[in-house]
Amino acid sequence: MTIYFSASHNEPVALEVNPSDKLPDLKTKLAERGIEISSKYRYIANGKTLLATSTLAEQGVTAGTKIDAVTPLRN
């Protein structure tokens, strides 16, 4: 399925993933595309932070979903 990934207000990038993929798999695919991955990012889809231990499908990610990488707010 195709999802869209965006980080730091950049244009979304189309990415092919499987519903059974987990967040570490997504990060690997992003790195393979040359997209910088920060350990400080939180990955948000459908208003929820994605967990590394659940599949994308279990977290409500479907074809066309946009995943945003955001940095936490500082105090």
N, C-alpha and C. Protein backbone atom coordinates (compact mmCIF):
# COMPACT_ATOMS: atom_id res chain seq x y z
N MET A 1 0.85 -1.17 0.00
CA MET A 1 0.00 0.00 0.00
C MET A 1 0.90 1.23 0.00
N THR A 2 0.38 2.32 -0.53
CA THR A 2 1.14 3.56 -0.60
C THR A 2 0.70 4.48 0.52
N ILE A 3 1.66 4.97 1.29
CA ILE A 3 1.41 5.98 2.32
C ILE A 3 2.26 7.20 1.96
N TYR A 4 2.05 8.27 2.69
CA TYR A 4 2.80 9.50 2.46
C TYR A 4 3.49 9.91 3.74
N PHE A 5 4.76 10.25 3.62
CA PHE A 5 5.58 10.62 4.78
C PHE A 5 6.06 12.04 4.62
N SER A 6 5.97 12.80 5.71
CA SER A 6 6.44 14.18 5.69
C SER A 6 7.18 14.48 6.99
N ALA A 7 8.28 15.21 6.85
CA ALA A 7 9.07 15.62 8.01
C ALA A 7 9.47 17.08 7.85
N SER A 8 9.42 17.81 8.92
CA SER A 8 9.90 19.20 8.96
C SER A 8 9.32 20.07 7.85
N HIS A 9 8.04 19.96 7.63
CA HIS A 9 7.32 20.80 6.67
C HIS A 9 7.78 20.60 5.23
N ASN A 10 8.42 19.46 4.94
CA ASN A 10 8.80 19.13 3.57
C ASN A 10 7.60 18.55 2.84
N GLU A 11 7.70 18.50 1.53
CA GLU A 11 6.64 17.89 0.72
C GLU A 11 6.52 16.41 1.09
N PRO A 12 5.31 15.87 1.13
CA PRO A 12 5.14 14.44 1.42
C PRO A 12 5.79 13.57 0.35
N VAL A 13 6.36 12.46 0.79
CA VAL A 13 7.01 11.49 -0.08
C VAL A 13 6.16 10.22 -0.08
N ALA A 14 5.83 9.70 -1.27
CA ALA A 14 5.09 8.45 -1.37
C ALA A 14 6.02 7.30 -1.03
N LEU A 15 5.50 6.34 -0.28
CA LEU A 15 6.31 5.22 0.19
C LEU A 15 5.47 3.96 0.17
N GLU A 16 6.01 2.88 -0.40
CA GLU A 16 5.32 1.59 -0.42
C GLU A 16 5.65 0.82 0.86
N VAL A 17 4.61 0.44 1.59
CA VAL A 17 4.77 -0.34 2.82
C VAL A 17 3.75 -1.47 2.82
N ASN A 18 3.95 -2.40 3.71
CA ASN A 18 3.00 -3.49 3.92
C ASN A 18 2.20 -3.21 5.19
N PRO A 19 0.95 -3.63 5.24
CA PRO A 19 0.17 -3.44 6.47
C PRO A 19 0.81 -4.11 7.68
N SER A 20 1.60 -5.16 7.43
CA SER A 20 2.25 -5.89 8.53
C SER A 20 3.55 -5.25 8.99
N ASP A 21 4.00 -4.20 8.29
CA ASP A 21 5.23 -3.50 8.70
C ASP A 21 5.03 -2.80 10.03
N LYS A 22 6.11 -2.68 10.77
CA LYS A 22 6.11 -1.94 12.02
C LYS A 22 6.95 -0.68 11.83
N LEU A 23 6.97 0.19 12.82
CA LEU A 23 7.70 1.45 12.73
C LEU A 23 9.17 1.25 12.37
N PRO A 24 9.88 0.29 12.94
CA PRO A 24 11.29 0.09 12.53
C PRO A 24 11.42 -0.24 11.04
N ASP A 25 10.46 -0.98 10.48
CA ASP A 25 10.48 -1.28 9.05
C ASP A 25 10.29 0.00 8.24
N LEU A 26 9.39 0.85 8.68
CA LEU A 26 9.15 2.13 8.02
C LEU A 26 10.42 2.99 8.04
N LYS A 27 11.08 3.05 9.18
CA LYS A 27 12.31 3.83 9.29
C LYS A 27 13.39 3.30 8.34
N THR A 28 13.48 1.97 8.20
CA THR A 28 14.45 1.37 7.30
C THR A 28 14.15 1.78 5.85
N LYS A 29 12.90 1.74 5.46
CA LYS A 29 12.52 2.13 4.10
C LYS A 29 12.81 3.60 3.84
N LEU A 30 12.59 4.43 4.84
CA LEU A 30 12.90 5.86 4.70
C LEU A 30 14.40 6.06 4.53
N ALA A 31 15.19 5.36 5.33
CA ALA A 31 16.65 5.48 5.24
C ALA A 31 17.14 5.00 3.87
N GLU A 32 16.53 3.95 3.33
CA GLU A 32 16.90 3.46 2.01
C GLU A 32 16.63 4.49 0.92
N ARG A 33 15.65 5.35 1.15
CA ARG A 33 15.31 6.42 0.20
C ARG A 33 16.15 7.67 0.42
N GLY A 34 17.05 7.62 1.42
CA GLY A 34 17.92 8.76 1.70
C GLY A 34 17.26 9.84 2.54
N ILE A 35 16.17 9.49 3.21
CA ILE A 35 15.46 10.46 4.06
C ILE A 35 16.04 10.38 5.47
N GLU A 36 16.45 11.53 5.97
CA GLU A 36 17.07 11.59 7.29
C GLU A 36 16.08 11.22 8.39
N ILE A 37 16.51 10.34 9.27
CA ILE A 37 15.69 9.89 10.38
C ILE A 37 16.36 10.35 11.68
N SER A 38 15.65 11.13 12.46
CA SER A 38 16.17 11.60 13.73
C SER A 38 15.60 10.75 14.86
N SER A 39 16.43 10.46 15.83
CA SER A 39 15.95 9.70 17.00
C SER A 39 14.98 10.53 17.84
N LYS A 40 14.92 11.83 17.57
CA LYS A 40 14.02 12.71 18.33
C LYS A 40 12.62 12.77 17.73
N TYR A 41 12.46 12.26 16.50
CA TYR A 41 11.15 12.32 15.85
C TYR A 41 10.12 11.45 16.57
N ARG A 42 8.89 11.95 16.56
CA ARG A 42 7.72 11.13 16.89
C ARG A 42 6.96 11.01 15.58
N TYR A 43 6.43 9.84 15.33
CA TYR A 43 5.72 9.58 14.08
C TYR A 43 4.23 9.58 14.36
N ILE A 44 3.51 10.47 13.69
CA ILE A 44 2.09 10.69 13.96
C ILE A 44 1.28 10.30 12.72
N ALA A 45 0.23 9.49 12.93
CA ALA A 45 -0.71 9.14 11.87
C ALA A 45 -2.11 9.16 12.46
N ASN A 46 -3.01 9.81 11.78
CA ASN A 46 -4.40 9.89 12.24
C ASN A 46 -4.51 10.46 13.66
N GLY A 47 -3.61 11.39 13.99
CA GLY A 47 -3.65 12.04 15.30
C GLY A 47 -3.07 11.23 16.44
N LYS A 48 -2.47 10.09 16.13
CA LYS A 48 -1.91 9.23 17.18
C LYS A 48 -0.44 8.96 16.91
N THR A 49 0.34 8.86 17.99
CA THR A 49 1.75 8.51 17.88
C THR A 49 1.87 7.03 17.55
N LEU A 50 2.64 6.72 16.52
CA LEU A 50 2.85 5.31 16.15
C LEU A 50 3.79 4.64 17.13
N LEU A 51 3.48 3.40 17.45
CA LEU A 51 4.29 2.60 18.36
C LEU A 51 5.17 1.65 17.56
N ALA A 52 6.34 1.37 18.07
CA ALA A 52 7.29 0.49 17.38
C ALA A 52 6.86 -0.98 17.45
N THR A 53 6.02 -1.33 18.41
CA THR A 53 5.70 -2.73 18.66
C THR A 53 4.45 -3.23 17.94
N SER A 54 3.66 -2.35 17.35
CA SER A 54 2.43 -2.74 16.66
C SER A 54 2.59 -2.54 15.16
N THR A 55 1.84 -3.33 14.38
CA THR A 55 1.90 -3.17 12.93
C THR A 55 1.21 -1.88 12.53
N LEU A 56 1.52 -1.42 11.33
CA LEU A 56 0.87 -0.21 10.82
C LEU A 56 -0.63 -0.42 10.74
N ALA A 57 -1.07 -1.60 10.29
CA ALA A 57 -2.51 -1.88 10.17
C ALA A 57 -3.19 -1.83 11.54
N GLU A 58 -2.55 -2.37 12.56
CA GLU A 58 -3.12 -2.36 13.92
C GLU A 58 -3.29 -0.94 14.45
N GLN A 59 -2.50 -0.02 13.90
CA GLN A 59 -2.54 1.37 14.36
C GLN A 59 -3.39 2.25 13.44
N GLY A 60 -4.13 1.62 12.55
CA GLY A 60 -5.06 2.36 11.71
C GLY A 60 -4.47 2.97 10.46
N VAL A 61 -3.24 2.60 10.10
CA VAL A 61 -2.61 3.12 8.89
C VAL A 61 -3.14 2.31 7.71
N THR A 62 -3.72 3.01 6.74
CA THR A 62 -4.24 2.39 5.54
C THR A 62 -3.64 3.10 4.33
N ALA A 63 -3.95 2.60 3.14
CA ALA A 63 -3.45 3.23 1.92
C ALA A 63 -3.87 4.68 1.89
N GLY A 64 -2.93 5.56 1.58
CA GLY A 64 -3.21 6.99 1.51
C GLY A 64 -2.99 7.75 2.80
N THR A 65 -2.71 7.04 3.89
CA THR A 65 -2.47 7.71 5.17
C THR A 65 -1.22 8.57 5.08
N LYS A 66 -1.26 9.73 5.72
CA LYS A 66 -0.08 10.60 5.81
C LYS A 66 0.53 10.43 7.20
N ILE A 67 1.81 10.15 7.23
CA ILE A 67 2.55 10.04 8.50
C ILE A 67 3.48 11.23 8.59
N ASP A 68 3.37 11.95 9.69
CA ASP A 68 4.21 13.12 9.94
C ASP A 68 5.26 12.79 10.99
N ALA A 69 6.49 13.19 10.73
CA ALA A 69 7.55 13.09 11.73
C ALA A 69 7.67 14.47 12.38
N VAL A 70 7.47 14.51 13.68
CA VAL A 70 7.52 15.78 14.40
C VAL A 70 8.50 15.68 15.56
N THR A 71 9.09 16.79 15.90
CA THR A 71 9.97 16.83 17.06
C THR A 71 9.16 17.31 18.26
N PRO A 72 9.43 16.79 19.43
CA PRO A 72 8.69 17.21 20.62
C PRO A 72 8.92 18.69 20.91
N LEU A 73 7.92 19.31 21.50
CA LEU A 73 8.05 20.72 21.90
C LEU A 73 9.02 20.83 23.05
N ARG A 74 9.74 21.93 23.08
CA ARG A 74 10.69 22.17 24.17
C ARG A 74 10.04 23.11 25.18
N ASN A 75 10.48 23.00 26.41
CA ASN A 75 9.97 23.90 27.47
C ASN A 75 10.72 25.19 27.46
